[in-house]
């Protein structure tokens, strides 16, 4: 019974990331622009990522300095994706950078997951 909150937070985190990065990827490669109706959903996804990510990080306990370094890099890349999503004004190049940063975030997340086992 005590595993419900950690599982729910991981689910919220993954679903929010899928919505945000999937929407940016779709906007870049299929439509060519962010649809105006996507912004409220993107804001909700960013909030879900921040809330669940903070919970997941704080529940880890003690982590190594290597983990902290890669986590910091991942956070800087995530801030880039958030900023592009919030400040986007029609430049496809920004979406390309956000897609690349999103891919790097997913790769680093996989490495951090492997590292914390």
PDB file of N, CA and C in Angstrom:
ATOM      1  N   UNK A   1       0.811  -1.197   0.000  1.00  0.00           N
ATOM      2  CA  UNK A   1       0.000   0.000   0.000  1.00  0.00           C
ATOM      3  C   UNK A   1       0.858   1.267   0.000  1.00  0.00           C
ATOM      4  N   UNK A   2       2.029   1.193   0.612  1.00  0.00           N
ATOM      5  CA  UNK A   2       2.870   2.391   0.686  1.00  0.00           C
ATOM      6  C   UNK A   2       3.584   2.691  -0.630  1.00  0.00           C
ATOM      7  N   UNK A   3       3.469   1.836  -1.625  1.00  0.00           N
ATOM      8  CA  UNK A   3       4.120   2.064  -2.913  1.00  0.00           C
ATOM      9  C   UNK A   3       3.224   2.832  -3.884  1.00  0.00           C
ATOM     10  N   UNK A   4       2.021   3.187  -3.461  1.00  0.00           N
ATOM     11  CA  UNK A   4       1.094   3.859  -4.375  1.00  0.00           C
ATOM     12  C   UNK A   4       1.596   5.241  -4.762  1.00  0.00           C
ATOM     13  N   UNK A   5       2.040   6.051  -3.810  1.00  0.00           N
ATOM     14  CA  UNK A   5       2.496   7.411  -4.119  1.00  0.00           C
ATOM     15  C   UNK A   5       3.737   7.411  -5.019  1.00  0.00           C
ATOM     16  N   UNK A   6       4.778   6.625  -4.734  1.00  0.00           N
ATOM     17  CA  UNK A   6       5.930   6.616  -5.648  1.00  0.00           C
ATOM     18  C   UNK A   6       5.569   6.158  -7.062  1.00  0.00           C
ATOM     19  N   UNK A   7       4.700   5.183  -7.179  1.00  0.00           N
ATOM     20  CA  UNK A   7       4.293   4.708  -8.502  1.00  0.00           C
ATOM     21  C   UNK A   7       3.472   5.782  -9.212  1.00  0.00           C
ATOM     22  N   UNK A   8       2.580   6.429  -8.485  1.00  0.00           N
ATOM     23  CA  UNK A   8       1.760   7.494  -9.077  1.00  0.00           C
ATOM     24  C   UNK A   8       2.637   8.666  -9.534  1.00  0.00           C
ATOM     25  N   UNK A   9       3.641   8.995  -8.748  1.00  0.00           N
ATOM     26  CA  UNK A   9       4.531  10.096  -9.124  1.00  0.00           C
ATOM     27  C   UNK A   9       5.369   9.740 -10.347  1.00  0.00           C
ATOM     28  N   UNK A  10       5.842   8.513 -10.416  1.00  0.00           N
ATOM     29  CA  UNK A  10       6.609   8.097 -11.598  1.00  0.00           C
ATOM     30  C   UNK A  10       5.711   8.097 -12.834  1.00  0.00           C
ATOM     31  N   UNK A  11       4.471   7.631 -12.672  1.00  0.00           N
ATOM     32  CA  UNK A  11       3.517   7.635 -13.775  1.00  0.00           C
ATOM     33  C   UNK A  11       3.235   9.070 -14.226  1.00  0.00           C
ATOM     34  N   UNK A  12       3.000   9.975 -13.267  1.00  0.00           N
ATOM     35  CA  UNK A  12       2.753  11.376 -13.600  1.00  0.00           C
ATOM     36  C   UNK A  12       3.952  11.972 -14.339  1.00  0.00           C
ATOM     37  N   UNK A  13       5.147  11.649 -13.871  1.00  0.00           N
ATOM     38  CA  UNK A  13       6.360  12.174 -14.485  1.00  0.00           C
ATOM     39  C   UNK A  13       6.488  11.693 -15.933  1.00  0.00           C
ATOM     40  N   UNK A  14       6.344  10.407 -16.140  1.00  0.00           N
ATOM     41  CA  UNK A  14       6.484   9.853 -17.487  1.00  0.00           C
ATOM     42  C   UNK A  14       5.389  10.355 -18.426  1.00  0.00           C
ATOM     43  N   UNK A  15       4.157  10.417 -17.969  1.00  0.00           N
ATOM     44  CA  UNK A  15       3.063  10.895 -18.817  1.00  0.00           C
ATOM     45  C   UNK A  15       3.258  12.367 -19.170  1.00  0.00           C
ATOM     46  N   UNK A  16       3.710  13.169 -18.224  1.00  0.00           N
ATOM     47  CA  UNK A  16       3.943  14.591 -18.499  1.00  0.00           C
ATOM     48  C   UNK A  16       5.064  14.779 -19.512  1.00  0.00           C
ATOM     49  N   UNK A  17       6.124  13.986 -19.379  1.00  0.00           N
ATOM     50  CA  UNK A  17       7.238  14.055 -20.335  1.00  0.00           C
ATOM     51  C   UNK A  17       6.779  13.625 -21.722  1.00  0.00           C
ATOM     52  N   UNK A  18       5.979  12.577 -21.795  1.00  0.00           N
ATOM     53  CA  UNK A  18       5.473  12.101 -23.080  1.00  0.00           C
ATOM     54  C   UNK A  18       4.627  13.174 -23.751  1.00  0.00           C
ATOM     55  N   UNK A  19       3.760  13.818 -22.988  1.00  0.00           N
ATOM     56  CA  UNK A  19       2.901  14.869 -23.549  1.00  0.00           C
ATOM     57  C   UNK A  19       3.751  16.034 -24.042  1.00  0.00           C
ATOM     58  N   UNK A  20       4.686  16.506 -23.211  1.00  0.00           N
ATOM     59  CA  UNK A  20       5.477  17.684 -23.581  1.00  0.00           C
ATOM     60  C   UNK A  20       6.408  17.401 -24.760  1.00  0.00           C
ATOM     61  N   UNK A  21       7.233  16.371 -24.651  1.00  0.00           N
ATOM     62  CA  UNK A  21       8.176  16.083 -25.732  1.00  0.00           C
ATOM     63  C   UNK A  21       7.470  15.580 -26.991  1.00  0.00           C
ATOM     64  N   UNK A  22       6.409  14.820 -26.810  1.00  0.00           N
ATOM     65  CA  UNK A  22       5.645  14.366 -27.970  1.00  0.00           C
ATOM     66  C   UNK A  22       5.003  15.521 -28.713  1.00  0.00           C
ATOM     67  N   UNK A  23       4.473  16.480 -27.965  1.00  0.00           N
ATOM     68  CA  UNK A  23       3.871  17.651 -28.590  1.00  0.00           C
ATOM     69  C   UNK A  23       4.887  18.502 -29.319  1.00  0.00           C
ATOM     70  N   UNK A  24       6.048  18.668 -28.726  1.00  0.00           N
ATOM     71  CA  UNK A  24       7.104  19.457 -29.375  1.00  0.00           C
ATOM     72  C   UNK A  24       7.612  18.732 -30.621  1.00  0.00           C
ATOM     73  N   UNK A  25       7.813  17.424 -30.517  1.00  0.00           N
ATOM     74  CA  UNK A  25       8.265  16.641 -31.669  1.00  0.00           C
ATOM     75  C   UNK A  25       7.238  16.712 -32.807  1.00  0.00           C
ATOM     76  N   UNK A  26       5.969  16.557 -32.468  1.00  0.00           N
ATOM     77  CA  UNK A  26       4.908  16.624 -33.468  1.00  0.00           C
ATOM     78  C   UNK A  26       4.860  18.013 -34.105  1.00  0.00           C
ATOM     79  N   UNK A  27       4.984  19.039 -33.276  1.00  0.00           N
ATOM     80  CA  UNK A  27       4.957  20.404 -33.808  1.00  0.00           C
ATOM     81  C   UNK A  27       6.121  20.638 -34.760  1.00  0.00           C
ATOM     82  N   UNK A  28       7.279  20.120 -34.454  1.00  0.00           N
ATOM     83  CA  UNK A  28       8.463  20.367 -35.277  1.00  0.00           C
ATOM     84  C   UNK A  28       8.416  19.603 -36.594  1.00  0.00           C
ATOM     85  N   UNK A  29       8.069  18.324 -36.540  1.00  0.00           N
ATOM     86  CA  UNK A  29       8.220  17.480 -37.719  1.00  0.00           C
ATOM     87  C   UNK A  29       6.933  17.240 -38.500  1.00  0.00           C
ATOM     88  N   UNK A  30       5.771  17.393 -37.885  1.00  0.00           N
ATOM     89  CA  UNK A  30       4.523  17.134 -38.611  1.00  0.00           C
ATOM     90  C   UNK A  30       3.806  18.423 -39.001  1.00  0.00           C
ATOM     91  N   UNK A  31       3.681  19.340 -38.066  1.00  0.00           N
ATOM     92  CA  UNK A  31       2.899  20.551 -38.309  1.00  0.00           C
ATOM     93  C   UNK A  31       3.787  21.724 -38.691  1.00  0.00           C
ATOM     94  N   UNK A  32       4.935  21.840 -38.078  1.00  0.00           N
ATOM     95  CA  UNK A  32       5.843  22.941 -38.362  1.00  0.00           C
ATOM     96  C   UNK A  32       5.693  24.115 -37.412  1.00  0.00           C
ATOM     97  N   UNK A  33       4.717  24.045 -36.507  1.00  0.00           N
ATOM     98  CA  UNK A  33       4.488  25.132 -35.565  1.00  0.00           C
ATOM     99  C   UNK A  33       3.712  24.578 -34.370  1.00  0.00           C
ATOM    100  N   UNK A  34       3.900  25.211 -33.200  1.00  0.00           N
ATOM    101  CA  UNK A  34       3.116  24.819 -32.032  1.00  0.00           C
ATOM    102  C   UNK A  34       1.689  25.319 -32.207  1.00  0.00           C
ATOM    103  N   UNK A  35       0.733  24.452 -32.023  1.00  0.00           N
ATOM    104  CA  UNK A  35      -0.670  24.834 -32.103  1.00  0.00           C
ATOM    105  C   UNK A  35      -1.013  25.628 -30.845  1.00  0.00           C
ATOM    106  N   UNK A  36      -1.796  26.686 -30.987  1.00  0.00           N
ATOM    107  CA  UNK A  36      -2.127  27.555 -29.852  1.00  0.00           C
ATOM    108  C   UNK A  36      -2.804  26.778 -28.721  1.00  0.00           C
ATOM    109  N   UNK A  37      -3.592  25.780 -29.036  1.00  0.00           N
ATOM    110  CA  UNK A  37      -4.273  24.990 -28.014  1.00  0.00           C
ATOM    111  C   UNK A  37      -3.356  24.072 -27.228  1.00  0.00           C
ATOM    112  N   UNK A  38      -2.131  23.921 -27.675  1.00  0.00           N
ATOM    113  CA  UNK A  38      -1.186  23.044 -26.974  1.00  0.00           C
ATOM    114  C   UNK A  38      -0.595  23.713 -25.735  1.00  0.00           C
ATOM    115  N   UNK A  39      -0.544  25.048 -25.725  1.00  0.00           N
ATOM    116  CA  UNK A  39       0.114  25.762 -24.621  1.00  0.00           C
ATOM    117  C   UNK A  39      -0.464  25.399 -23.241  1.00  0.00           C
ATOM    118  N   UNK A  40      -1.779  25.425 -23.020  1.00  0.00           N
ATOM    119  CA  UNK A  40      -2.287  25.058 -21.688  1.00  0.00           C
ATOM    120  C   UNK A  40      -1.915  23.634 -21.284  1.00  0.00           C
ATOM    121  N   UNK A  41      -1.938  22.715 -22.237  1.00  0.00           N
ATOM    122  CA  UNK A  41      -1.551  21.339 -21.949  1.00  0.00           C
ATOM    123  C   UNK A  41      -0.061  21.265 -21.628  1.00  0.00           C
ATOM    124  N   UNK A  42       0.746  22.060 -22.344  1.00  0.00           N
ATOM    125  CA  UNK A  42       2.186  22.089 -22.094  1.00  0.00           C
ATOM    126  C   UNK A  42       2.478  22.639 -20.705  1.00  0.00           C
ATOM    127  N   UNK A  43       1.739  23.675 -20.296  1.00  0.00           N
ATOM    128  CA  UNK A  43       1.934  24.233 -18.953  1.00  0.00           C
ATOM    129  C   UNK A  43       1.593  23.200 -17.878  1.00  0.00           C
ATOM    130  N   UNK A  44       0.519  22.451 -18.087  1.00  0.00           N
ATOM    131  CA  UNK A  44       0.158  21.395 -17.142  1.00  0.00           C
ATOM    132  C   UNK A  44       1.233  20.312 -17.109  1.00  0.00           C
ATOM    133  N   UNK A  45       1.769  19.960 -18.274  1.00  0.00           N
ATOM    134  CA  UNK A  45       2.828  18.944 -18.336  1.00  0.00           C
ATOM    135  C   UNK A  45       4.085  19.439 -17.615  1.00  0.00           C
ATOM    136  N   UNK A  46       4.444  20.703 -17.811  1.00  0.00           N
ATOM    137  CA  UNK A  46       5.616  21.263 -17.120  1.00  0.00           C
ATOM    138  C   UNK A  46       5.399  21.219 -15.613  1.00  0.00           C
ATOM    139  N   UNK A  47       4.203  21.597 -15.159  1.00  0.00           N
ATOM    140  CA  UNK A  47       3.897  21.516 -13.723  1.00  0.00           C
ATOM    141  C   UNK A  47       3.991  20.097 -13.201  1.00  0.00           C
ATOM    142  N   UNK A  48       3.478  19.130 -13.976  1.00  0.00           N
ATOM    143  CA  UNK A  48       3.561  17.730 -13.570  1.00  0.00           C
ATOM    144  C   UNK A  48       4.993  17.238 -13.504  1.00  0.00           C
ATOM    145  N   UNK A  49       5.800  17.655 -14.462  1.00  0.00           N
ATOM    146  CA  UNK A  49       7.218  17.263 -14.471  1.00  0.00           C
ATOM    147  C   UNK A  49       7.934  17.835 -13.258  1.00  0.00           C
ATOM    148  N   UNK A  50       7.699  19.106 -12.966  1.00  0.00           N
ATOM    149  CA  UNK A  50       8.379  19.745 -11.833  1.00  0.00           C
ATOM    150  C   UNK A  50       7.959  19.134 -10.500  1.00  0.00           C
ATOM    151  N   UNK A  51       6.655  18.945 -10.302  1.00  0.00           N
ATOM    152  CA  UNK A  51       6.166  18.405  -9.027  1.00  0.00           C
ATOM    153  C   UNK A  51       6.626  16.967  -8.820  1.00  0.00           C
ATOM    154  N   UNK A  52       6.422  16.121  -9.824  1.00  0.00           N
ATOM    155  CA  UNK A  52       6.789  14.714  -9.661  1.00  0.00           C
ATOM    156  C   UNK A  52       8.303  14.534  -9.652  1.00  0.00           C
ATOM    157  N   UNK A  53       9.014  15.325 -10.449  1.00  0.00           N
ATOM    158  CA  UNK A  53      10.476  15.225 -10.454  1.00  0.00           C
ATOM    159  C   UNK A  53      11.087  15.608  -9.116  1.00  0.00           C
ATOM    160  N   UNK A  54      10.540  16.649  -8.503  1.00  0.00           N
ATOM    161  CA  UNK A  54      11.020  17.053  -7.179  1.00  0.00           C
ATOM    162  C   UNK A  54      10.764  15.951  -6.156  1.00  0.00           C
ATOM    163  N   UNK A  55       9.574  15.353  -6.197  1.00  0.00           N
ATOM    164  CA  UNK A  55       9.258  14.262  -5.281  1.00  0.00           C
ATOM    165  C   UNK A  55      10.214  13.084  -5.486  1.00  0.00           C
ATOM    166  N   UNK A  56      10.415  12.699  -6.749  1.00  0.00           N
ATOM    167  CA  UNK A  56      11.282  11.555  -7.045  1.00  0.00           C
ATOM    168  C   UNK A  56      12.715  11.822  -6.589  1.00  0.00           C
ATOM    169  N   UNK A  57      13.216  13.045  -6.851  1.00  0.00           N
ATOM    170  CA  UNK A  57      14.591  13.360  -6.456  1.00  0.00           C
ATOM    171  C   UNK A  57      14.740  13.371  -4.943  1.00  0.00           C
ATOM    172  N   UNK A  58      13.791  13.968  -4.228  1.00  0.00           N
ATOM    173  CA  UNK A  58      13.893  14.046  -2.771  1.00  0.00           C
ATOM    174  C   UNK A  58      13.710  12.689  -2.100  1.00  0.00           C
ATOM    175  N   UNK A  59      13.012  11.776  -2.742  1.00  0.00           N
ATOM    176  CA  UNK A  59      12.820  10.458  -2.148  1.00  0.00           C
ATOM    177  C   UNK A  59      14.016   9.529  -2.378  1.00  0.00           C
ATOM    178  N   UNK A  60      14.993   9.955  -3.178  1.00  0.00           N
ATOM    179  CA  UNK A  60      16.164   9.116  -3.474  1.00  0.00           C
ATOM    180  C   UNK A  60      17.084   8.940  -2.272  1.00  0.00           C
ATOM    181  N   UNK A  61      17.163   9.950  -1.426  1.00  0.00           N
ATOM    182  CA  UNK A  61      18.118   9.876  -0.320  1.00  0.00           C
ATOM    183  C   UNK A  61      19.497  10.302  -0.785  1.00  0.00           C
ATOM    184  N   UNK A  62      20.522   9.647  -0.287  1.00  0.00           N
ATOM    185  CA  UNK A  62      21.901  10.003  -0.627  1.00  0.00           C
ATOM    186  C   UNK A  62      22.241   9.482  -2.023  1.00  0.00           C
ATOM    187  N   UNK A  63      22.799  10.394  -2.842  1.00  0.00           N
ATOM    188  CA  UNK A  63      23.255  10.011  -4.186  1.00  0.00           C
ATOM    189  C   UNK A  63      24.699  10.466  -4.355  1.00  0.00           C
ATOM    190  N   UNK A  64      25.387   9.828  -5.279  1.00  0.00           N
ATOM    191  CA  UNK A  64      26.808  10.137  -5.490  1.00  0.00           C
ATOM    192  C   UNK A  64      26.978  11.493  -6.169  1.00  0.00           C
ATOM    193  N   UNK A  65      28.197  12.000  -6.154  1.00  0.00           N
ATOM    194  CA  UNK A  65      28.475  13.286  -6.805  1.00  0.00           C
ATOM    195  C   UNK A  65      28.360  13.170  -8.332  1.00  0.00           C
ATOM    196  N   UNK A  66      28.670  12.000  -8.886  1.00  0.00           N
ATOM    197  CA  UNK A  66      28.470  11.780 -10.324  1.00  0.00           C
ATOM    198  C   UNK A  66      26.987  11.878 -10.679  1.00  0.00           C
ATOM    199  N   UNK A  67      26.150  11.283  -9.850  1.00  0.00           N
ATOM    200  CA  UNK A  67      24.713  11.361 -10.062  1.00  0.00           C
ATOM    201  C   UNK A  67      24.261  12.816 -10.025  1.00  0.00           C
ATOM    202  N   UNK A  68      24.722  13.564  -9.055  1.00  0.00           N
ATOM    203  CA  UNK A  68      24.342  14.969  -8.927  1.00  0.00           C
ATOM    204  C   UNK A  68      24.785  15.781 -10.143  1.00  0.00           C
ATOM    205  N   UNK A  69      25.974  15.490 -10.664  1.00  0.00           N
ATOM    206  CA  UNK A  69      26.456  16.210 -11.844  1.00  0.00           C
ATOM    207  C   UNK A  69      25.553  15.953 -13.043  1.00  0.00           C
ATOM    208  N   UNK A  70      25.258  14.695 -13.328  1.00  0.00           N
ATOM    209  CA  UNK A  70      24.405  14.366 -14.464  1.00  0.00           C
ATOM    210  C   UNK A  70      22.982  14.862 -14.253  1.00  0.00           C
ATOM    211  N   UNK A  71      22.526  14.838 -13.012  1.00  0.00           N
ATOM    212  CA  UNK A  71      21.197  15.358 -12.715  1.00  0.00           C
ATOM    213  C   UNK A  71      21.150  16.859 -12.988  1.00  0.00           C
ATOM    214  N   UNK A  72      22.198  17.583 -12.630  1.00  0.00           N
ATOM    215  CA  UNK A  72      22.266  19.017 -12.909  1.00  0.00           C
ATOM    216  C   UNK A  72      22.247  19.314 -14.403  1.00  0.00           C
ATOM    217  N   UNK A  73      22.980  18.536 -15.174  1.00  0.00           N
ATOM    218  CA  UNK A  73      22.973  18.709 -16.632  1.00  0.00           C
ATOM    219  C   UNK A  73      21.573  18.448 -17.180  1.00  0.00           C
ATOM    220  N   UNK A  74      20.944  17.405 -16.671  1.00  0.00           N
ATOM    221  CA  UNK A  74      19.590  17.072 -17.102  1.00  0.00           C
ATOM    222  C   UNK A  74      18.629  18.219 -16.777  1.00  0.00           C
ATOM    223  N   UNK A  75      18.768  18.832 -15.611  1.00  0.00           N
ATOM    224  CA  UNK A  75      17.897  19.939 -15.222  1.00  0.00           C
ATOM    225  C   UNK A  75      18.098  21.158 -16.125  1.00  0.00           C
ATOM    226  N   UNK A  76      19.343  21.445 -16.480  1.00  0.00           N
ATOM    227  CA  UNK A  76      19.601  22.570 -17.383  1.00  0.00           C
ATOM    228  C   UNK A  76      18.972  22.332 -18.755  1.00  0.00           C
ATOM    229  N   UNK A  77      19.069  21.109 -19.248  1.00  0.00           N
ATOM    230  CA  UNK A  77      18.427  20.780 -20.525  1.00  0.00           C
ATOM    231  C   UNK A  77      16.902  20.868 -20.414  1.00  0.00           C
ATOM    232  N   UNK A  78      16.367  20.424 -19.283  1.00  0.00           N
ATOM    233  CA  UNK A  78      14.911  20.510 -19.078  1.00  0.00           C
ATOM    234  C   UNK A  78      14.458  21.967 -19.024  1.00  0.00           C
ATOM    235  N   UNK A  79      15.239  22.820 -18.384  1.00  0.00           N
ATOM    236  CA  UNK A  79      14.904  24.243 -18.362  1.00  0.00           C
ATOM    237  C   UNK A  79      14.910  24.827 -19.772  1.00  0.00           C
ATOM    238  N   UNK A  80      15.803  24.346 -20.616  1.00  0.00           N
ATOM    239  CA  UNK A  80      15.825  24.785 -22.013  1.00  0.00           C
ATOM    240  C   UNK A  80      14.521  24.403 -22.715  1.00  0.00           C
ATOM    241  N   UNK A  81      14.084  23.165 -22.527  1.00  0.00           N
ATOM    242  CA  UNK A  81      12.839  22.716 -23.149  1.00  0.00           C
ATOM    243  C   UNK A  81      11.656  23.521 -22.620  1.00  0.00           C
ATOM    244  N   UNK A  82      11.623  23.761 -21.305  1.00  0.00           N
ATOM    245  CA  UNK A  82      10.538  24.551 -20.716  1.00  0.00           C
ATOM    246  C   UNK A  82      10.530  25.963 -21.292  1.00  0.00           C
ATOM    247  N   UNK A  83      11.701  26.589 -21.373  1.00  0.00           N
ATOM    248  CA  UNK A  83      11.792  27.965 -21.879  1.00  0.00           C
ATOM    249  C   UNK A  83      11.343  28.053 -23.327  1.00  0.00           C
ATOM    250  N   UNK A  84      11.755  27.105 -24.155  1.00  0.00           N
ATOM    251  CA  UNK A  84      11.337  27.112 -25.560  1.00  0.00           C
ATOM    252  C   UNK A  84       9.820  26.968 -25.644  1.00  0.00           C
ATOM    253  N   UNK A  85       9.258  26.087 -24.845  1.00  0.00           N
ATOM    254  CA  UNK A  85       7.814  25.868 -24.867  1.00  0.00           C
ATOM    255  C   UNK A  85       7.057  27.120 -24.441  1.00  0.00           C
ATOM    256  N   UNK A  86       7.519  27.763 -23.402  1.00  0.00           N
ATOM    257  CA  UNK A  86       6.831  28.942 -22.866  1.00  0.00           C
ATOM    258  C   UNK A  86       7.017  30.161 -23.753  1.00  0.00           C
ATOM    259  N   UNK A  87       8.222  30.370 -24.275  1.00  0.00           N
ATOM    260  CA  UNK A  87       8.540  31.588 -25.010  1.00  0.00           C
ATOM    261  C   UNK A  87       8.443  31.453 -26.526  1.00  0.00           C
ATOM    262  N   UNK A  88       8.000  30.319 -27.033  1.00  0.00           N
ATOM    263  CA  UNK A  88       7.991  30.059 -28.472  1.00  0.00           C
ATOM    264  C   UNK A  88       7.162  31.090 -29.227  1.00  0.00           C
ATOM    265  N   UNK A  89       7.762  31.639 -30.291  1.00  0.00           N
ATOM    266  CA  UNK A  89       7.097  32.651 -31.112  1.00  0.00           C
ATOM    267  C   UNK A  89       7.221  32.362 -32.603  1.00  0.00           C
ATOM    268  N   UNK A  90       7.260  31.122 -33.010  1.00  0.00           N
ATOM    269  CA  UNK A  90       7.206  30.796 -34.427  1.00  0.00           C
ATOM    270  C   UNK A  90       8.511  30.474 -35.112  1.00  0.00           C
ATOM    271  N   UNK A  91       9.584  30.240 -34.393  1.00  0.00           N
ATOM    272  CA  UNK A  91      10.857  29.894 -35.023  1.00  0.00           C
ATOM    273  C   UNK A  91      11.078  28.385 -34.905  1.00  0.00           C
ATOM    274  N   UNK A  92      11.059  27.703 -36.045  1.00  0.00           N
ATOM    275  CA  UNK A  92      11.204  26.246 -36.051  1.00  0.00           C
ATOM    276  C   UNK A  92      12.541  25.798 -35.481  1.00  0.00           C
ATOM    277  N   UNK A  93      13.546  26.643 -35.604  1.00  0.00           N
ATOM    278  CA  UNK A  93      14.870  26.298 -35.093  1.00  0.00           C
ATOM    279  C   UNK A  93      14.828  26.052 -33.583  1.00  0.00           C
ATOM    280  N   UNK A  94      13.995  26.816 -32.875  1.00  0.00           N
ATOM    281  CA  UNK A  94      13.851  26.615 -31.439  1.00  0.00           C
ATOM    282  C   UNK A  94      13.260  25.235 -31.142  1.00  0.00           C
ATOM    283  N   UNK A  95      12.286  24.829 -31.940  1.00  0.00           N
ATOM    284  CA  UNK A  95      11.693  23.507 -31.740  1.00  0.00           C
ATOM    285  C   UNK A  95      12.708  22.402 -31.999  1.00  0.00           C
ATOM    286  N   UNK A  96      13.571  22.604 -32.995  1.00  0.00           N
ATOM    287  CA  UNK A  96      14.616  21.618 -33.273  1.00  0.00           C
ATOM    288  C   UNK A  96      15.536  21.469 -32.060  1.00  0.00           C
ATOM    289  N   UNK A  97      15.949  22.579 -31.477  1.00  0.00           N
ATOM    290  CA  UNK A  97      16.793  22.537 -30.285  1.00  0.00           C
ATOM    291  C   UNK A  97      16.099  21.872 -29.117  1.00  0.00           C
ATOM    292  N   UNK A  98      14.800  22.119 -28.965  1.00  0.00           N
ATOM    293  CA  UNK A  98      14.052  21.494 -27.871  1.00  0.00           C
ATOM    294  C   UNK A  98      13.934  19.979 -28.077  1.00  0.00           C
ATOM    295  N   UNK A  99      13.757  19.550 -29.317  1.00  0.00           N
ATOM    296  CA  UNK A  99      13.692  18.109 -29.613  1.00  0.00           C
ATOM    297  C   UNK A  99      15.033  17.446 -29.297  1.00  0.00           C
ATOM    298  N   UNK A 100      16.116  18.087 -29.682  1.00  0.00           N
ATOM    299  CA  UNK A 100      17.452  17.546 -29.396  1.00  0.00           C
ATOM    300  C   UNK A 100      17.695  17.497 -27.894  1.00  0.00           C
ATOM    301  N   UNK A 101      17.375  18.579 -27.198  1.00  0.00           N
ATOM    302  CA  UNK A 101      17.533  18.598 -25.740  1.00  0.00           C
ATOM    303  C   UNK A 101      16.670  17.529 -25.084  1.00  0.00           C
ATOM    304  N   UNK A 102      15.447  17.342 -25.584  1.00  0.00           N
ATOM    305  CA  UNK A 102      14.565  16.312 -25.038  1.00  0.00           C
ATOM    306  C   UNK A 102      15.147  14.915 -25.199  1.00  0.00           C
ATOM    307  N   UNK A 103      15.748  14.644 -26.347  1.00  0.00           N
ATOM    308  CA  UNK A 103      16.395  13.350 -26.540  1.00  0.00           C
ATOM    309  C   UNK A 103      17.564  13.145 -25.593  1.00  0.00           C
ATOM    310  N   UNK A 104      18.333  14.209 -25.384  1.00  0.00           N
ATOM    311  CA  UNK A 104      19.456  14.115 -24.444  1.00  0.00           C
ATOM    312  C   UNK A 104      18.952  13.900 -23.017  1.00  0.00           C
ATOM    313  N   UNK A 105      17.856  14.526 -22.652  1.00  0.00           N
ATOM    314  CA  UNK A 105      17.272  14.349 -21.321  1.00  0.00           C
ATOM    315  C   UNK A 105      16.870  12.892 -21.110  1.00  0.00           C
ATOM    316  N   UNK A 106      16.225  12.310 -22.105  1.00  0.00           N
ATOM    317  CA  UNK A 106      15.792  10.916 -21.988  1.00  0.00           C
ATOM    318  C   UNK A 106      17.002   9.994 -21.856  1.00  0.00           C
ATOM    319  N   UNK A 107      18.066  10.259 -22.616  1.00  0.00           N
ATOM    320  CA  UNK A 107      19.280   9.436 -22.526  1.00  0.00           C
ATOM    321  C   UNK A 107      19.920   9.564 -21.144  1.00  0.00           C
ATOM    322  N   UNK A 108      20.018  10.786 -20.635  1.00  0.00           N
ATOM    323  CA  UNK A 108      20.601  10.997 -19.303  1.00  0.00           C
ATOM    324  C   UNK A 108      19.730  10.351 -18.232  1.00  0.00           C
ATOM    325  N   UNK A 109      18.410  10.426 -18.391  1.00  0.00           N
ATOM    326  CA  UNK A 109      17.507   9.811 -17.409  1.00  0.00           C
ATOM    327  C   UNK A 109      17.724   8.297 -17.355  1.00  0.00           C
ATOM    328  N   UNK A 110      17.906   7.686 -18.515  1.00  0.00           N
ATOM    329  CA  UNK A 110      18.186   6.254 -18.531  1.00  0.00           C
ATOM    330  C   UNK A 110      19.488   5.922 -17.834  1.00  0.00           C
ATOM    331  N   UNK A 111      20.497   6.756 -18.048  1.00  0.00           N
ATOM    332  CA  UNK A 111      21.792   6.544 -17.389  1.00  0.00           C
ATOM    333  C   UNK A 111      21.658   6.729 -15.876  1.00  0.00           C
ATOM    334  N   UNK A 112      20.920   7.758 -15.454  1.00  0.00           N
ATOM    335  CA  UNK A 112      20.729   7.986 -14.005  1.00  0.00           C
ATOM    336  C   UNK A 112      19.963   6.835 -13.370  1.00  0.00           C
ATOM    337  N   UNK A 113      19.001   6.302 -14.072  1.00  0.00           N
ATOM    338  CA  UNK A 113      18.234   5.153 -13.553  1.00  0.00           C
ATOM    339  C   UNK A 113      19.146   3.947 -13.381  1.00  0.00           C
ATOM    340  N   UNK A 114      20.023   3.725 -14.358  1.00  0.00           N
ATOM    341  CA  UNK A 114      20.981   2.618 -14.268  1.00  0.00           C
ATOM    342  C   UNK A 114      21.968   2.874 -13.131  1.00  0.00           C
ATOM    343  N   UNK A 115      22.390   4.122 -12.979  1.00  0.00           N
ATOM    344  CA  UNK A 115      23.384   4.492 -11.980  1.00  0.00           C
ATOM    345  C   UNK A 115      22.853   4.340 -10.541  1.00  0.00           C
ATOM    346  N   UNK A 116      21.564   4.540 -10.342  1.00  0.00           N
ATOM    347  CA  UNK A 116      21.008   4.504  -8.980  1.00  0.00           C
ATOM    348  C   UNK A 116      20.611   3.120  -8.519  1.00  0.00           C
ATOM    349  N   UNK A 117      20.814   2.111  -9.339  1.00  0.00           N
ATOM    350  CA  UNK A 117      20.459   0.740  -8.921  1.00  0.00           C
ATOM    351  C   UNK A 117      21.490   0.143  -8.036  1.00  0.00           C
TER     352      UNK A 117
END
